[in-house]
PDB file of N, CA and C in Angstrom:
ATOM      1  N   MET A   1     -37.117 -17.447 -12.996  1.00  0.00           N
ATOM      2  CA  MET A   1     -36.725 -18.709 -13.560  1.00  0.00           C
ATOM      3  C   MET A   1     -35.326 -19.080 -13.074  1.00  0.00           C
ATOM      4  N   SER A   2     -35.119 -20.338 -12.732  1.00  0.00           N
ATOM      5  CA  SER A   2     -33.807 -20.754 -12.248  1.00  0.00           C
ATOM      6  C   SER A   2     -32.826 -20.878 -13.410  1.00  0.00           C
ATOM      7  N   LYS A   3     -31.561 -20.817 -13.068  1.00  0.00           N
ATOM      8  CA  LYS A   3     -30.501 -20.933 -14.070  1.00  0.00           C
ATOM      9  C   LYS A   3     -29.804 -22.266 -13.855  1.00  0.00           C
ATOM     10  N   SER A   4     -30.281 -23.294 -14.525  1.00  0.00           N
ATOM     11  CA  SER A   4     -29.837 -24.661 -14.264  1.00  0.00           C
ATOM     12  C   SER A   4     -28.443 -24.964 -14.803  1.00  0.00           C
ATOM     13  N   HIS A   5     -27.920 -24.158 -15.708  1.00  0.00           N
ATOM     14  CA  HIS A   5     -26.624 -24.467 -16.307  1.00  0.00           C
ATOM     15  C   HIS A   5     -25.493 -23.640 -15.716  1.00  0.00           C
ATOM     16  N   ARG A   6     -25.755 -22.875 -14.691  1.00  0.00           N
ATOM     17  CA  ARG A   6     -24.721 -22.028 -14.099  1.00  0.00           C
ATOM     18  C   ARG A   6     -23.653 -22.903 -13.448  1.00  0.00           C
ATOM     19  N   GLY A   7     -22.401 -22.725 -13.842  1.00  0.00           N
ATOM     20  CA  GLY A   7     -21.302 -23.489 -13.273  1.00  0.00           C
ATOM     21  C   GLY A   7     -21.117 -24.870 -13.873  1.00  0.00           C
ATOM     22  N   LYS A   8     -21.864 -25.202 -14.928  1.00  0.00           N
ATOM     23  CA  LYS A   8     -21.775 -26.547 -15.501  1.00  0.00           C
ATOM     24  C   LYS A   8     -20.396 -26.824 -16.083  1.00  0.00           C
ATOM     25  N   GLY A   9     -19.747 -25.826 -16.633  1.00  0.00           N
ATOM     26  CA  GLY A   9     -18.453 -26.026 -17.275  1.00  0.00           C
ATOM     27  C   GLY A   9     -17.307 -26.281 -16.329  1.00  0.00           C
ATOM     28  N   ILE A  10     -17.469 -25.968 -15.038  1.00  0.00           N
ATOM     29  CA  ILE A  10     -16.371 -26.178 -14.097  1.00  0.00           C
ATOM     30  C   ILE A  10     -16.611 -27.356 -13.168  1.00  0.00           C
ATOM     31  N   ARG A  11     -17.714 -28.041 -13.317  1.00  0.00           N
ATOM     32  CA  ARG A  11     -18.004 -29.175 -12.444  1.00  0.00           C
ATOM     33  C   ARG A  11     -17.043 -30.333 -12.663  1.00  0.00           C
ATOM     34  N   ASN A  12     -16.499 -30.456 -13.873  1.00  0.00           N
ATOM     35  CA  ASN A  12     -15.601 -31.573 -14.156  1.00  0.00           C
ATOM     36  C   ASN A  12     -14.145 -31.257 -13.825  1.00  0.00           C
ATOM     37  N   LEU A  13     -13.832 -30.022 -13.410  1.00  0.00           N
ATOM     38  CA  LEU A  13     -12.471 -29.659 -13.026  1.00  0.00           C
ATOM     39  C   LEU A  13     -12.182 -30.126 -11.599  1.00  0.00           C
ATOM     40  N   VAL A  14     -10.915 -30.242 -11.284  1.00  0.00           N
ATOM     41  CA  VAL A  14     -10.505 -30.623  -9.934  1.00  0.00           C
ATOM     42  C   VAL A  14     -10.949 -29.545  -8.959  1.00  0.00           C
ATOM     43  N   ASN A  15     -11.595 -29.923  -7.875  1.00  0.00           N
ATOM     44  CA  ASN A  15     -12.109 -28.999  -6.851  1.00  0.00           C
ATOM     45  C   ASN A  15     -13.025 -27.941  -7.440  1.00  0.00           C
ATOM     46  N   HIS A  16     -13.711 -28.281  -8.511  1.00  0.00           N
ATOM     47  CA  HIS A  16     -14.629 -27.368  -9.205  1.00  0.00           C
ATOM     48  C   HIS A  16     -13.943 -26.060  -9.596  1.00  0.00           C
ATOM     49  N   GLY A  17     -12.676 -26.143  -9.992  1.00  0.00           N
ATOM     50  CA  GLY A  17     -11.945 -24.984 -10.470  1.00  0.00           C
ATOM     51  C   GLY A  17     -11.307 -24.137  -9.392  1.00  0.00           C
ATOM     52  N   ARG A  18     -11.345 -24.585  -8.158  1.00  0.00           N
ATOM     53  CA  ARG A  18     -10.782 -23.788  -7.062  1.00  0.00           C
ATOM     54  C   ARG A  18      -9.355 -24.219  -6.753  1.00  0.00           C
ATOM     55  N   GLY A  19      -8.556 -23.240  -6.351  1.00  0.00           N
ATOM     56  CA  GLY A  19      -7.171 -23.514  -6.001  1.00  0.00           C
ATOM     57  C   GLY A  19      -6.506 -22.239  -5.519  1.00  0.00           C
ATOM     58  N   THR A  20      -5.198 -22.152  -5.680  1.00  0.00           N
ATOM     59  CA  THR A  20      -4.426 -20.986  -5.269  1.00  0.00           C
ATOM     60  C   THR A  20      -4.028 -20.203  -6.503  1.00  0.00           C
ATOM     61  N   CYS A  21      -4.289 -18.911  -6.484  1.00  0.00           N
ATOM     62  CA  CYS A  21      -3.949 -18.040  -7.608  1.00  0.00           C
ATOM     63  C   CYS A  21      -2.437 -17.928  -7.714  1.00  0.00           C
ATOM     64  N   GLY A  22      -1.923 -18.011  -8.926  1.00  0.00           N
ATOM     65  CA  GLY A  22      -0.491 -17.935  -9.147  1.00  0.00           C
ATOM     66  C   GLY A  22       0.074 -16.539  -9.071  1.00  0.00           C
ATOM     67  N   ARG A  23      -0.772 -15.521  -9.069  1.00  0.00           N
ATOM     68  CA  ARG A  23      -0.298 -14.139  -9.051  1.00  0.00           C
ATOM     69  C   ARG A  23      -0.465 -13.493  -7.689  1.00  0.00           C
ATOM     70  N   CYS A  24      -1.660 -13.560  -7.114  1.00  0.00           N
ATOM     71  CA  CYS A  24      -1.917 -12.891  -5.833  1.00  0.00           C
ATOM     72  C   CYS A  24      -1.845 -13.852  -4.651  1.00  0.00           C
ATOM     73  N   LYS A  25      -1.701 -15.150  -4.919  1.00  0.00           N
ATOM     74  CA  LYS A  25      -1.539 -16.195  -3.907  1.00  0.00           C
ATOM     75  C   LYS A  25      -2.749 -16.359  -2.983  1.00  0.00           C
ATOM     76  N   LYS A  26      -3.937 -15.917  -3.399  1.00  0.00           N
ATOM     77  CA  LYS A  26      -5.142 -16.174  -2.617  1.00  0.00           C
ATOM     78  C   LYS A  26      -5.460 -17.660  -2.707  1.00  0.00           C
ATOM     79  N   GLU A  27      -5.947 -18.218  -1.610  1.00  0.00           N
ATOM     80  CA  GLU A  27      -6.252 -19.639  -1.564  1.00  0.00           C
ATOM     81  C   GLU A  27      -7.749 -19.872  -1.678  1.00  0.00           C
ATOM     82  N   ASN A  28      -8.119 -21.032  -2.204  1.00  0.00           N
ATOM     83  CA  ASN A  28      -9.508 -21.476  -2.344  1.00  0.00           C
ATOM     84  C   ASN A  28     -10.346 -20.485  -3.147  1.00  0.00           C
ATOM     85  N   ILE A  29      -9.775 -19.981  -4.219  1.00  0.00           N
ATOM     86  CA  ILE A  29     -10.460 -19.060  -5.116  1.00  0.00           C
ATOM     87  C   ILE A  29     -10.506 -19.714  -6.492  1.00  0.00           C
ATOM     88  N   LYS A  30     -11.512 -19.379  -7.274  1.00  0.00           N
ATOM     89  CA  LYS A  30     -11.632 -19.981  -8.601  1.00  0.00           C
ATOM     90  C   LYS A  30     -10.497 -19.474  -9.492  1.00  0.00           C
ATOM     91  N   VAL A  31      -9.706 -20.390 -10.007  1.00  0.00           N
ATOM     92  CA  VAL A  31      -8.590 -20.059 -10.893  1.00  0.00           C
ATOM     93  C   VAL A  31      -8.895 -20.668 -12.254  1.00  0.00           C
ATOM     94  N   LEU A  32      -9.544 -19.901 -13.092  1.00  0.00           N
ATOM     95  CA  LEU A  32     -10.058 -20.418 -14.350  1.00  0.00           C
ATOM     96  C   LEU A  32      -9.318 -19.885 -15.573  1.00  0.00           C
ATOM     97  N   TYR A  33      -8.374 -18.987 -15.381  1.00  0.00           N
ATOM     98  CA  TYR A  33      -7.691 -18.346 -16.503  1.00  0.00           C
ATOM     99  C   TYR A  33      -6.214 -18.690 -16.454  1.00  0.00           C
ATOM    100  N   GLU A  34      -5.617 -18.922 -17.624  1.00  0.00           N
ATOM    101  CA  GLU A  34      -4.196 -19.238 -17.695  1.00  0.00           C
ATOM    102  C   GLU A  34      -3.450 -18.083 -18.331  1.00  0.00           C
ATOM    103  N   HIS A  35      -2.338 -17.705 -17.703  1.00  0.00           N
ATOM    104  CA  HIS A  35      -1.462 -16.672 -18.226  1.00  0.00           C
ATOM    105  C   HIS A  35      -0.030 -17.126 -18.049  1.00  0.00           C
ATOM    106  N   GLU A  36       0.859 -16.547 -18.843  1.00  0.00           N
ATOM    107  CA  GLU A  36       2.269 -16.859 -18.717  1.00  0.00           C
ATOM    108  C   GLU A  36       2.912 -15.823 -17.810  1.00  0.00           C
ATOM    109  N   ILE A  37       3.374 -16.282 -16.653  1.00  0.00           N
ATOM    110  CA  ILE A  37       4.013 -15.402 -15.679  1.00  0.00           C
ATOM    111  C   ILE A  37       5.420 -15.926 -15.438  1.00  0.00           C
ATOM    112  N   GLU A  38       6.411 -15.082 -15.698  1.00  0.00           N
ATOM    113  CA  GLU A  38       7.825 -15.439 -15.540  1.00  0.00           C
ATOM    114  C   GLU A  38       8.188 -16.692 -16.318  1.00  0.00           C
ATOM    115  N   GLY A  39       7.648 -16.814 -17.504  1.00  0.00           N
ATOM    116  CA  GLY A  39       7.982 -17.929 -18.384  1.00  0.00           C
ATOM    117  C   GLY A  39       7.238 -19.223 -18.110  1.00  0.00           C
ATOM    118  N   GLN A  40       6.307 -19.234 -17.160  1.00  0.00           N
ATOM    119  CA  GLN A  40       5.555 -20.443 -16.845  1.00  0.00           C
ATOM    120  C   GLN A  40       4.067 -20.182 -17.001  1.00  0.00           C
ATOM    121  N   LYS A  41       3.339 -21.188 -17.494  1.00  0.00           N
ATOM    122  CA  LYS A  41       1.877 -21.097 -17.562  1.00  0.00           C
ATOM    123  C   LYS A  41       1.329 -21.234 -16.150  1.00  0.00           C
ATOM    124  N   THR A  42       0.520 -20.258 -15.729  1.00  0.00           N
ATOM    125  CA  THR A  42      -0.011 -20.235 -14.374  1.00  0.00           C
ATOM    126  C   THR A  42      -1.489 -19.942 -14.420  1.00  0.00           C
ATOM    127  N   SER A  43      -2.259 -20.584 -13.549  1.00  0.00           N
ATOM    128  CA  SER A  43      -3.687 -20.314 -13.423  1.00  0.00           C
ATOM    129  C   SER A  43      -3.885 -19.133 -12.490  1.00  0.00           C
ATOM    130  N   VAL A  44      -4.734 -18.183 -12.910  1.00  0.00           N
ATOM    131  CA  VAL A  44      -4.981 -16.994 -12.111  1.00  0.00           C
ATOM    132  C   VAL A  44      -6.476 -16.796 -11.916  1.00  0.00           C
ATOM    133  N   CYS A  45      -6.844 -16.009 -10.902  1.00  0.00           N
ATOM    134  CA  CYS A  45      -8.247 -15.720 -10.610  1.00  0.00           C
ATOM    135  C   CYS A  45      -8.756 -14.629 -11.549  1.00  0.00           C
ATOM    136  N   LYS A  46     -10.042 -14.344 -11.491  1.00  0.00           N
ATOM    137  CA  LYS A  46     -10.615 -13.378 -12.425  1.00  0.00           C
ATOM    138  C   LYS A  46     -10.168 -11.958 -12.119  1.00  0.00           C
ATOM    139  N   PHE A  47      -9.821 -11.651 -10.862  1.00  0.00           N
ATOM    140  CA  PHE A  47      -9.353 -10.318 -10.517  1.00  0.00           C
ATOM    141  C   PHE A  47      -7.970 -10.067 -11.108  1.00  0.00           C
ATOM    142  N   CYS A  48      -7.101 -11.059 -11.025  1.00  0.00           N
ATOM    143  CA  CYS A  48      -5.762 -10.941 -11.603  1.00  0.00           C
ATOM    144  C   CYS A  48      -5.828 -10.980 -13.123  1.00  0.00           C
ATOM    145  N   ASN A  49      -6.759 -11.731 -13.670  1.00  0.00           N
ATOM    146  CA  ASN A  49      -6.949 -11.773 -15.115  1.00  0.00           C
ATOM    147  C   ASN A  49      -7.311 -10.385 -15.635  1.00  0.00           C
ATOM    148  N   ALA A  50      -8.211  -9.699 -14.930  1.00  0.00           N
ATOM    149  CA  ALA A  50      -8.602  -8.346 -15.330  1.00  0.00           C
ATOM    150  C   ALA A  50      -7.446  -7.381 -15.180  1.00  0.00           C
ATOM    151  N   ALA A  51      -6.661  -7.525 -14.116  1.00  0.00           N
ATOM    152  CA  ALA A  51      -5.521  -6.640 -13.902  1.00  0.00           C
ATOM    153  C   ALA A  51      -4.462  -6.820 -14.986  1.00  0.00           C
ATOM    154  N   ILE A  52      -4.237  -8.067 -15.390  1.00  0.00           N
ATOM    155  CA  ILE A  52      -3.272  -8.327 -16.453  1.00  0.00           C
ATOM    156  C   ILE A  52      -3.748  -7.752 -17.769  1.00  0.00           C
ATOM    157  N   LYS A  53      -5.043  -7.912 -18.069  1.00  0.00           N
ATOM    158  CA  LYS A  53      -5.578  -7.389 -19.326  1.00  0.00           C
ATOM    159  C   LYS A  53      -5.600  -5.859 -19.355  1.00  0.00           C
ATOM    160  N   ASN A  54      -5.727  -5.219 -18.184  1.00  0.00           N
ATOM    161  CA  ASN A  54      -5.741  -3.765 -18.119  1.00  0.00           C
ATOM    162  C   ASN A  54      -4.347  -3.171 -18.022  1.00  0.00           C
ATOM    163  N   GLY A  55      -3.325  -4.022 -18.017  1.00  0.00           N
ATOM    164  CA  GLY A  55      -1.948  -3.555 -18.050  1.00  0.00           C
ATOM    165  C   GLY A  55      -1.364  -3.213 -16.693  1.00  0.00           C
ATOM    166  N   LYS A  56      -1.966  -3.695 -15.624  1.00  0.00           N
ATOM    167  CA  LYS A  56      -1.411  -3.442 -14.299  1.00  0.00           C
ATOM    168  C   LYS A  56      -0.127  -4.234 -14.141  1.00  0.00           C
ATOM    169  N   SER A  57       0.810  -3.702 -13.383  1.00  0.00           N
ATOM    170  CA  SER A  57       2.070  -4.401 -13.178  1.00  0.00           C
ATOM    171  C   SER A  57       1.869  -5.584 -12.237  1.00  0.00           C
ATOM    172  N   ALA A  58       2.786  -6.518 -12.279  1.00  0.00           N
ATOM    173  CA  ALA A  58       2.683  -7.710 -11.438  1.00  0.00           C
ATOM    174  C   ALA A  58       2.874  -7.331  -9.976  1.00  0.00           C
ATOM    175  N   LEU A  59       2.210  -8.088  -9.097  1.00  0.00           N
ATOM    176  CA  LEU A  59       2.359  -7.835  -7.668  1.00  0.00           C
ATOM    177  C   LEU A  59       3.752  -8.205  -7.217  1.00  0.00           C
ATOM    178  N   ALA A  60       4.244  -7.499  -6.234  1.00  0.00           N
ATOM    179  CA  ALA A  60       5.589  -7.765  -5.723  1.00  0.00           C
ATOM    180  C   ALA A  60       5.588  -8.962  -4.803  1.00  0.00           C
TER     181      ALA A  60
END
């Protein structure tokens, strides 16, 4: 069976939720999570979101 609602929540975002990650600086990656980095709200990718939640230190 097909999954017709997959990605429906990000279709209304700019570029379908894609941009540059504020932590690892990867380009054209889905940045769907917001975190406060150095006092500013920044959008991060799911890999950086997991690293932040697991207590990994910030990238240099």
